[in-house]
């Protein structure tokens, strides 16, 4: 029995609708996987930055030993001939809260002025909390174009980061600020917030525009 042309055309239309929905569903699954990867990276960066600051800005400052004898210890990253040095760790750009004593926002706020921008702070040597966070995104590329963290395609099929739109907020809890000079003691805590935009592969994806945020807090040792 021969099928009529109308039935054949209907089959093609139905197939096209089903394939479109299937492809969209596949892209959503891919994007969810990419964003989970990105959120894991953002969380790891916040955790590492807070931990690094709590150690290097705490017990490392109490050990006036030449860095040459510290090997690969985190204290070696403070960059002074003596770990205690002449610079106050918590009053160096990249370590102190740009927003002063105010709290960091729990979500990305474009009107907030207390963010550090990760772009331009990617370095092969960690000397600040900001530098420690930047290294978590890319430990090999120090000259990414326009803040691109690596050869990964930002907004493409691979989960890269646009570091020019990746921000860090540092919050000191229990510390005192006198005319812009911070005094931090053991028992105070440092919290690091990292904000990064997640870019989907498909603009029709309902999760195409998501601002990732992760935070971590450690007690200064």
C-alpha atoms as a PDB file:
ATOM      1  CA  UNK A   1       0.000   0.000   0.000  1.00  0.00           C
ATOM      2  CA  UNK A   2       1.513   3.326  -1.094  1.00  0.00           C
ATOM      3  CA  UNK A   3       1.845   6.224   1.362  1.00  0.00           C
ATOM      4  CA  UNK A   4       0.501   9.549   0.223  1.00  0.00           C
ATOM      5  CA  UNK A   5       2.844  12.556  -0.156  1.00  0.00           C
ATOM      6  CA  UNK A   6       1.047  14.365   2.681  1.00  0.00           C
ATOM      7  CA  UNK A   7       1.875  11.576   5.115  1.00  0.00           C
ATOM      8  CA  UNK A   8       5.541  11.648   4.105  1.00  0.00           C
ATOM      9  CA  UNK A   9       5.725  15.411   4.664  1.00  0.00           C
ATOM     10  CA  UNK A  10       4.049  15.080   8.035  1.00  0.00           C
ATOM     11  CA  UNK A  11       6.645  12.494   9.069  1.00  0.00           C
ATOM     12  CA  UNK A  12       9.468  14.860   8.137  1.00  0.00           C
ATOM     13  CA  UNK A  13       7.929  17.722  10.121  1.00  0.00           C
ATOM     14  CA  UNK A  14       7.446  15.492  13.181  1.00  0.00           C
ATOM     15  CA  UNK A  15      11.019  14.216  12.856  1.00  0.00           C
ATOM     16  CA  UNK A  16      12.320  17.794  12.680  1.00  0.00           C
ATOM     17  CA  UNK A  17      10.385  18.835  15.793  1.00  0.00           C
ATOM     18  CA  UNK A  18      11.562  15.809  17.739  1.00  0.00           C
ATOM     19  CA  UNK A  19      15.208  16.322  16.676  1.00  0.00           C
ATOM     20  CA  UNK A  20      15.121  20.015  17.604  1.00  0.00           C
ATOM     21  CA  UNK A  21      13.823  19.196  21.074  1.00  0.00           C
ATOM     22  CA  UNK A  22      16.366  16.384  21.422  1.00  0.00           C
ATOM     23  CA  UNK A  23      19.290  18.596  20.389  1.00  0.00           C
ATOM     24  CA  UNK A  24      18.203  21.316  22.811  1.00  0.00           C
ATOM     25  CA  UNK A  25      17.972  18.728  25.583  1.00  0.00           C
ATOM     26  CA  UNK A  26      21.471  17.449  24.752  1.00  0.00           C
ATOM     27  CA  UNK A  27      22.900  20.995  24.843  1.00  0.00           C
ATOM     28  CA  UNK A  28      21.255  21.593  28.218  1.00  0.00           C
ATOM     29  CA  UNK A  29      22.911  18.454  29.574  1.00  0.00           C
ATOM     30  CA  UNK A  30      26.283  19.572  28.170  1.00  0.00           C
ATOM     31  CA  UNK A  31      25.900  23.056  29.653  1.00  0.00           C
ATOM     32  CA  UNK A  32      24.925  21.693  33.056  1.00  0.00           C
ATOM     33  CA  UNK A  33      28.078  19.561  33.002  1.00  0.00           C
ATOM     34  CA  UNK A  34      30.222  22.533  31.963  1.00  0.00           C
ATOM     35  CA  UNK A  35      28.734  24.750  34.644  1.00  0.00           C
ATOM     36  CA  UNK A  36      29.267  22.087  37.283  1.00  0.00           C
ATOM     37  CA  UNK A  37      32.921  21.986  36.192  1.00  0.00           C
ATOM     38  CA  UNK A  38      33.093  25.780  36.365  1.00  0.00           C
ATOM     39  CA  UNK A  39      31.457  25.945  39.778  1.00  0.00           C
ATOM     40  CA  UNK A  40      33.906  23.328  41.067  1.00  0.00           C
ATOM     41  CA  UNK A  41      36.794  25.473  39.809  1.00  0.00           C
ATOM     42  CA  UNK A  42      35.327  28.635  41.357  1.00  0.00           C
ATOM     43  CA  UNK A  43      34.793  26.849  44.687  1.00  0.00           C
ATOM     44  CA  UNK A  44      38.336  25.482  44.660  1.00  0.00           C
ATOM     45  CA  UNK A  45      39.722  28.958  43.944  1.00  0.00           C
ATOM     46  CA  UNK A  46      37.796  30.526  46.842  1.00  0.00           C
ATOM     47  CA  UNK A  47      38.852  27.741  49.195  1.00  0.00           C
ATOM     48  CA  UNK A  48      42.503  27.920  48.209  1.00  0.00           C
ATOM     49  CA  UNK A  49      42.617  31.716  48.454  1.00  0.00           C
ATOM     50  CA  UNK A  50      41.090  31.745  51.937  1.00  0.00           C
ATOM     51  CA  UNK A  51      43.338  28.940  53.150  1.00  0.00           C
ATOM     52  CA  UNK A  52      46.427  30.575  51.669  1.00  0.00           C
ATOM     53  CA  UNK A  53      45.626  33.892  53.347  1.00  0.00           C
ATOM     54  CA  UNK A  54      44.926  32.298  56.708  1.00  0.00           C
ATOM     55  CA  UNK A  55      48.314  30.581  56.742  1.00  0.00           C
ATOM     56  CA  UNK A  56      50.586  33.102  55.028  1.00  0.00           C
ATOM     57  CA  UNK A  57      48.875  36.033  56.760  1.00  0.00           C
ATOM     58  CA  UNK A  58      49.074  34.302  60.121  1.00  0.00           C
ATOM     59  CA  UNK A  59      51.717  31.858  61.286  1.00  0.00           C
ATOM     60  CA  UNK A  60      54.057  32.652  58.365  1.00  0.00           C
ATOM     61  CA  UNK A  61      54.397  36.235  59.599  1.00  0.00           C
ATOM     62  CA  UNK A  62      55.644  35.002  62.962  1.00  0.00           C
ATOM     63  CA  UNK A  63      58.578  33.085  61.480  1.00  0.00           C
ATOM     64  CA  UNK A  64      61.374  35.546  60.550  1.00  0.00           C
ATOM     65  CA  UNK A  65      63.361  32.986  58.607  1.00  0.00           C
ATOM     66  CA  UNK A  66      65.062  33.471  55.259  1.00  0.00           C
ATOM     67  CA  UNK A  67      62.807  32.206  52.479  1.00  0.00           C
ATOM     68  CA  UNK A  68      65.704  30.176  51.110  1.00  0.00           C
ATOM     69  CA  UNK A  69      65.300  27.724  54.001  1.00  0.00           C
ATOM     70  CA  UNK A  70      61.552  27.323  53.586  1.00  0.00           C
ATOM     71  CA  UNK A  71      61.632  25.298  50.378  1.00  0.00           C
ATOM     72  CA  UNK A  72      58.168  24.991  48.853  1.00  0.00           C
ATOM     73  CA  UNK A  73      56.344  25.972  52.009  1.00  0.00           C
ATOM     74  CA  UNK A  74      53.460  28.410  51.512  1.00  0.00           C
ATOM     75  CA  UNK A  75      55.441  30.941  53.553  1.00  0.00           C
ATOM     76  CA  UNK A  76      57.934  31.076  50.702  1.00  0.00           C
ATOM     77  CA  UNK A  77      55.309  32.799  48.551  1.00  0.00           C
ATOM     78  CA  UNK A  78      55.208  35.973  50.614  1.00  0.00           C
ATOM     79  CA  UNK A  79      58.113  37.250  48.514  1.00  0.00           C
ATOM     80  CA  UNK A  80      60.212  38.969  51.198  1.00  0.00           C
ATOM     81  CA  UNK A  81      63.749  38.127  52.256  1.00  0.00           C
ATOM     82  CA  UNK A  82      62.218  37.570  55.662  1.00  0.00           C
ATOM     83  CA  UNK A  83      58.773  36.128  55.964  1.00  0.00           C
ATOM     84  CA  UNK A  84      57.803  38.790  58.474  1.00  0.00           C
ATOM     85  CA  UNK A  85      59.269  41.386  56.117  1.00  0.00           C
ATOM     86  CA  UNK A  86      58.765  45.119  56.426  1.00  0.00           C
ATOM     87  CA  UNK A  87      55.419  45.145  54.618  1.00  0.00           C
ATOM     88  CA  UNK A  88      52.254  44.400  56.517  1.00  0.00           C
ATOM     89  CA  UNK A  89      50.665  41.406  54.822  1.00  0.00           C
ATOM     90  CA  UNK A  90      47.100  42.547  55.417  1.00  0.00           C
ATOM     91  CA  UNK A  91      47.723  46.046  54.052  1.00  0.00           C
ATOM     92  CA  UNK A  92      49.035  44.965  50.662  1.00  0.00           C
ATOM     93  CA  UNK A  93      46.798  45.293  47.594  1.00  0.00           C
ATOM     94  CA  UNK A  94      45.302  41.892  46.935  1.00  0.00           C
ATOM     95  CA  UNK A  95      45.033  40.967  50.629  1.00  0.00           C
ATOM     96  CA  UNK A  96      42.866  43.605  52.287  1.00  0.00           C
ATOM     97  CA  UNK A  97      39.106  44.187  51.751  1.00  0.00           C
ATOM     98  CA  UNK A  98      38.560  46.849  49.121  1.00  0.00           C
ATOM     99  CA  UNK A  99      35.121  47.465  50.624  1.00  0.00           C
ATOM    100  CA  UNK A 100      36.522  48.127  54.079  1.00  0.00           C
ATOM    101  CA  UNK A 101      34.561  46.617  56.957  1.00  0.00           C
ATOM    102  CA  UNK A 102      31.463  45.962  54.832  1.00  0.00           C
ATOM    103  CA  UNK A 103      30.450  42.410  54.040  1.00  0.00           C
ATOM    104  CA  UNK A 104      30.911  40.875  50.609  1.00  0.00           C
ATOM    105  CA  UNK A 105      27.683  40.350  48.645  1.00  0.00           C
ATOM    106  CA  UNK A 106      26.402  36.778  48.601  1.00  0.00           C
ATOM    107  CA  UNK A 107      25.558  37.159  44.920  1.00  0.00           C
ATOM    108  CA  UNK A 108      27.137  39.160  42.101  1.00  0.00           C
ATOM    109  CA  UNK A 109      26.148  42.822  42.337  1.00  0.00           C
ATOM    110  CA  UNK A 110      27.251  45.063  39.456  1.00  0.00           C
ATOM    111  CA  UNK A 111      26.899  48.161  41.648  1.00  0.00           C
ATOM    112  CA  UNK A 112      29.267  46.830  44.327  1.00  0.00           C
ATOM    113  CA  UNK A 113      32.666  48.558  44.245  1.00  0.00           C
ATOM    114  CA  UNK A 114      34.650  46.265  46.533  1.00  0.00           C
ATOM    115  CA  UNK A 115      35.688  43.664  43.955  1.00  0.00           C
ATOM    116  CA  UNK A 116      39.183  42.776  42.839  1.00  0.00           C
ATOM    117  CA  UNK A 117      39.327  41.757  39.149  1.00  0.00           C
ATOM    118  CA  UNK A 118      41.256  38.551  38.497  1.00  0.00           C
ATOM    119  CA  UNK A 119      42.332  39.700  35.037  1.00  0.00           C
ATOM    120  CA  UNK A 120      45.825  41.158  35.122  1.00  0.00           C
ATOM    121  CA  UNK A 121      46.670  39.322  38.344  1.00  0.00           C
ATOM    122  CA  UNK A 122      47.535  35.945  36.864  1.00  0.00           C
ATOM    123  CA  UNK A 123      51.111  35.358  37.937  1.00  0.00           C
ATOM    124  CA  UNK A 124      53.552  32.515  38.185  1.00  0.00           C
ATOM    125  CA  UNK A 125      54.317  33.595  41.756  1.00  0.00           C
ATOM    126  CA  UNK A 126      51.683  33.830  44.458  1.00  0.00           C
ATOM    127  CA  UNK A 127      52.273  36.864  46.658  1.00  0.00           C
ATOM    128  CA  UNK A 128      48.698  37.802  47.577  1.00  0.00           C
ATOM    129  CA  UNK A 129      45.343  36.164  48.185  1.00  0.00           C
ATOM    130  CA  UNK A 130      44.229  37.568  44.837  1.00  0.00           C
ATOM    131  CA  UNK A 131      47.234  35.970  43.144  1.00  0.00           C
ATOM    132  CA  UNK A 132      46.489  32.662  44.857  1.00  0.00           C
ATOM    133  CA  UNK A 133      42.944  32.728  43.485  1.00  0.00           C
ATOM    134  CA  UNK A 134      44.163  33.655  39.991  1.00  0.00           C
ATOM    135  CA  UNK A 135      46.563  30.718  39.957  1.00  0.00           C
ATOM    136  CA  UNK A 136      43.714  28.284  40.559  1.00  0.00           C
ATOM    137  CA  UNK A 137      42.189  29.259  37.232  1.00  0.00           C
ATOM    138  CA  UNK A 138      45.399  29.009  35.254  1.00  0.00           C
ATOM    139  CA  UNK A 139      48.878  28.074  36.422  1.00  0.00           C
ATOM    140  CA  UNK A 140      50.594  28.101  33.019  1.00  0.00           C
ATOM    141  CA  UNK A 141      49.306  31.037  30.973  1.00  0.00           C
ATOM    142  CA  UNK A 142      50.372  34.436  32.305  1.00  0.00           C
ATOM    143  CA  UNK A 143      49.565  36.520  29.231  1.00  0.00           C
ATOM    144  CA  UNK A 144      46.040  35.553  28.233  1.00  0.00           C
ATOM    145  CA  UNK A 145      44.447  37.910  25.715  1.00  0.00           C
ATOM    146  CA  UNK A 146      41.777  40.158  27.226  1.00  0.00           C
ATOM    147  CA  UNK A 147      41.876  38.228  30.465  1.00  0.00           C
ATOM    148  CA  UNK A 148      41.241  34.871  28.840  1.00  0.00           C
ATOM    149  CA  UNK A 149      42.565  32.342  31.311  1.00  0.00           C
ATOM    150  CA  UNK A 150      43.738  29.704  28.859  1.00  0.00           C
ATOM    151  CA  UNK A 151      43.449  28.396  25.289  1.00  0.00           C
ATOM    152  CA  UNK A 152      40.056  27.014  26.274  1.00  0.00           C
ATOM    153  CA  UNK A 153      37.290  28.569  24.213  1.00  0.00           C
ATOM    154  CA  UNK A 154      35.379  30.950  26.442  1.00  0.00           C
ATOM    155  CA  UNK A 155      31.703  30.503  25.633  1.00  0.00           C
ATOM    156  CA  UNK A 156      32.490  27.581  23.330  1.00  0.00           C
ATOM    157  CA  UNK A 157      32.342  23.860  23.940  1.00  0.00           C
ATOM    158  CA  UNK A 158      35.012  23.943  26.625  1.00  0.00           C
ATOM    159  CA  UNK A 159      34.564  25.462  30.091  1.00  0.00           C
ATOM    160  CA  UNK A 160      37.036  28.315  30.017  1.00  0.00           C
ATOM    161  CA  UNK A 161      36.891  31.490  32.123  1.00  0.00           C
ATOM    162  CA  UNK A 162      36.888  35.129  31.169  1.00  0.00           C
ATOM    163  CA  UNK A 163      39.096  36.507  33.929  1.00  0.00           C
ATOM    164  CA  UNK A 164      38.244  40.096  32.983  1.00  0.00           C
ATOM    165  CA  UNK A 165      34.764  39.360  34.338  1.00  0.00           C
ATOM    166  CA  UNK A 166      35.831  37.163  37.230  1.00  0.00           C
ATOM    167  CA  UNK A 167      35.901  38.981  40.561  1.00  0.00           C
ATOM    168  CA  UNK A 168      37.189  38.423  44.089  1.00  0.00           C
ATOM    169  CA  UNK A 169      35.922  39.947  47.324  1.00  0.00           C
ATOM    170  CA  UNK A 170      37.910  39.584  50.557  1.00  0.00           C
ATOM    171  CA  UNK A 171      36.252  39.927  53.938  1.00  0.00           C
ATOM    172  CA  UNK A 172      38.047  40.039  57.291  1.00  0.00           C
ATOM    173  CA  UNK A 173      35.994  39.001  60.301  1.00  0.00           C
ATOM    174  CA  UNK A 174      37.140  40.059  63.755  1.00  0.00           C
ATOM    175  CA  UNK A 175      39.974  42.207  62.408  1.00  0.00           C
ATOM    176  CA  UNK A 176      40.168  45.943  63.081  1.00  0.00           C
ATOM    177  CA  UNK A 177      40.632  48.725  60.552  1.00  0.00           C
ATOM    178  CA  UNK A 178      42.082  52.059  61.609  1.00  0.00           C
ATOM    179  CA  UNK A 179      42.332  54.665  58.856  1.00  0.00           C
ATOM    180  CA  UNK A 180      42.821  51.974  56.226  1.00  0.00           C
ATOM    181  CA  UNK A 181      45.364  49.993  58.219  1.00  0.00           C
ATOM    182  CA  UNK A 182      44.257  46.474  59.086  1.00  0.00           C
ATOM    183  CA  UNK A 183      45.275  44.639  62.243  1.00  0.00           C
ATOM    184  CA  UNK A 184      44.662  40.906  62.035  1.00  0.00           C
ATOM    185  CA  UNK A 185      45.411  38.483  64.841  1.00  0.00           C
ATOM    186  CA  UNK A 186      45.212  34.729  65.286  1.00  0.00           C
ATOM    187  CA  UNK A 187      41.604  33.717  65.734  1.00  0.00           C
ATOM    188  CA  UNK A 188      40.245  36.261  63.260  1.00  0.00           C
ATOM    189  CA  UNK A 189      39.010  34.843  59.985  1.00  0.00           C
ATOM    190  CA  UNK A 190      39.400  35.604  56.314  1.00  0.00           C
ATOM    191  CA  UNK A 191      36.581  34.905  53.858  1.00  0.00           C
ATOM    192  CA  UNK A 192      37.122  34.877  50.107  1.00  0.00           C
ATOM    193  CA  UNK A 193      34.256  35.193  47.620  1.00  0.00           C
ATOM    194  CA  UNK A 194      34.752  34.439  43.918  1.00  0.00           C
ATOM    195  CA  UNK A 195      32.232  35.517  41.279  1.00  0.00           C
ATOM    196  CA  UNK A 196      32.400  34.254  37.690  1.00  0.00           C
ATOM    197  CA  UNK A 197      29.942  34.299  34.782  1.00  0.00           C
ATOM    198  CA  UNK A 198      29.006  30.941  33.289  1.00  0.00           C
ATOM    199  CA  UNK A 199      28.534  31.026  29.546  1.00  0.00           C
ATOM    200  CA  UNK A 200      26.321  28.470  27.837  1.00  0.00           C
ATOM    201  CA  UNK A 201      26.947  26.966  24.410  1.00  0.00           C
ATOM    202  CA  UNK A 202      23.412  27.736  23.268  1.00  0.00           C
ATOM    203  CA  UNK A 203      21.722  31.109  23.785  1.00  0.00           C
ATOM    204  CA  UNK A 204      18.345  29.333  23.921  1.00  0.00           C
ATOM    205  CA  UNK A 205      19.484  27.303  26.885  1.00  0.00           C
ATOM    206  CA  UNK A 206      17.449  28.312  29.982  1.00  0.00           C
ATOM    207  CA  UNK A 207      20.675  28.254  32.043  1.00  0.00           C
ATOM    208  CA  UNK A 208      22.552  30.417  29.521  1.00  0.00           C
ATOM    209  CA  UNK A 209      23.065  33.344  31.909  1.00  0.00           C
ATOM    210  CA  UNK A 210      24.257  32.291  35.343  1.00  0.00           C
ATOM    211  CA  UNK A 211      26.614  34.164  37.665  1.00  0.00           C
ATOM    212  CA  UNK A 212      28.507  31.600  39.708  1.00  0.00           C
ATOM    213  CA  UNK A 213      29.540  32.516  43.230  1.00  0.00           C
ATOM    214  CA  UNK A 214      31.453  30.513  45.821  1.00  0.00           C
ATOM    215  CA  UNK A 215      32.945  31.472  49.164  1.00  0.00           C
ATOM    216  CA  UNK A 216      35.218  29.960  51.752  1.00  0.00           C
ATOM    217  CA  UNK A 217      36.336  31.061  55.199  1.00  0.00           C
ATOM    218  CA  UNK A 218      39.321  30.042  57.312  1.00  0.00           C
ATOM    219  CA  UNK A 219      40.530  31.108  60.722  1.00  0.00           C
ATOM    220  CA  UNK A 220      43.834  32.970  60.702  1.00  0.00           C
ATOM    221  CA  UNK A 221      46.420  30.726  62.337  1.00  0.00           C
END
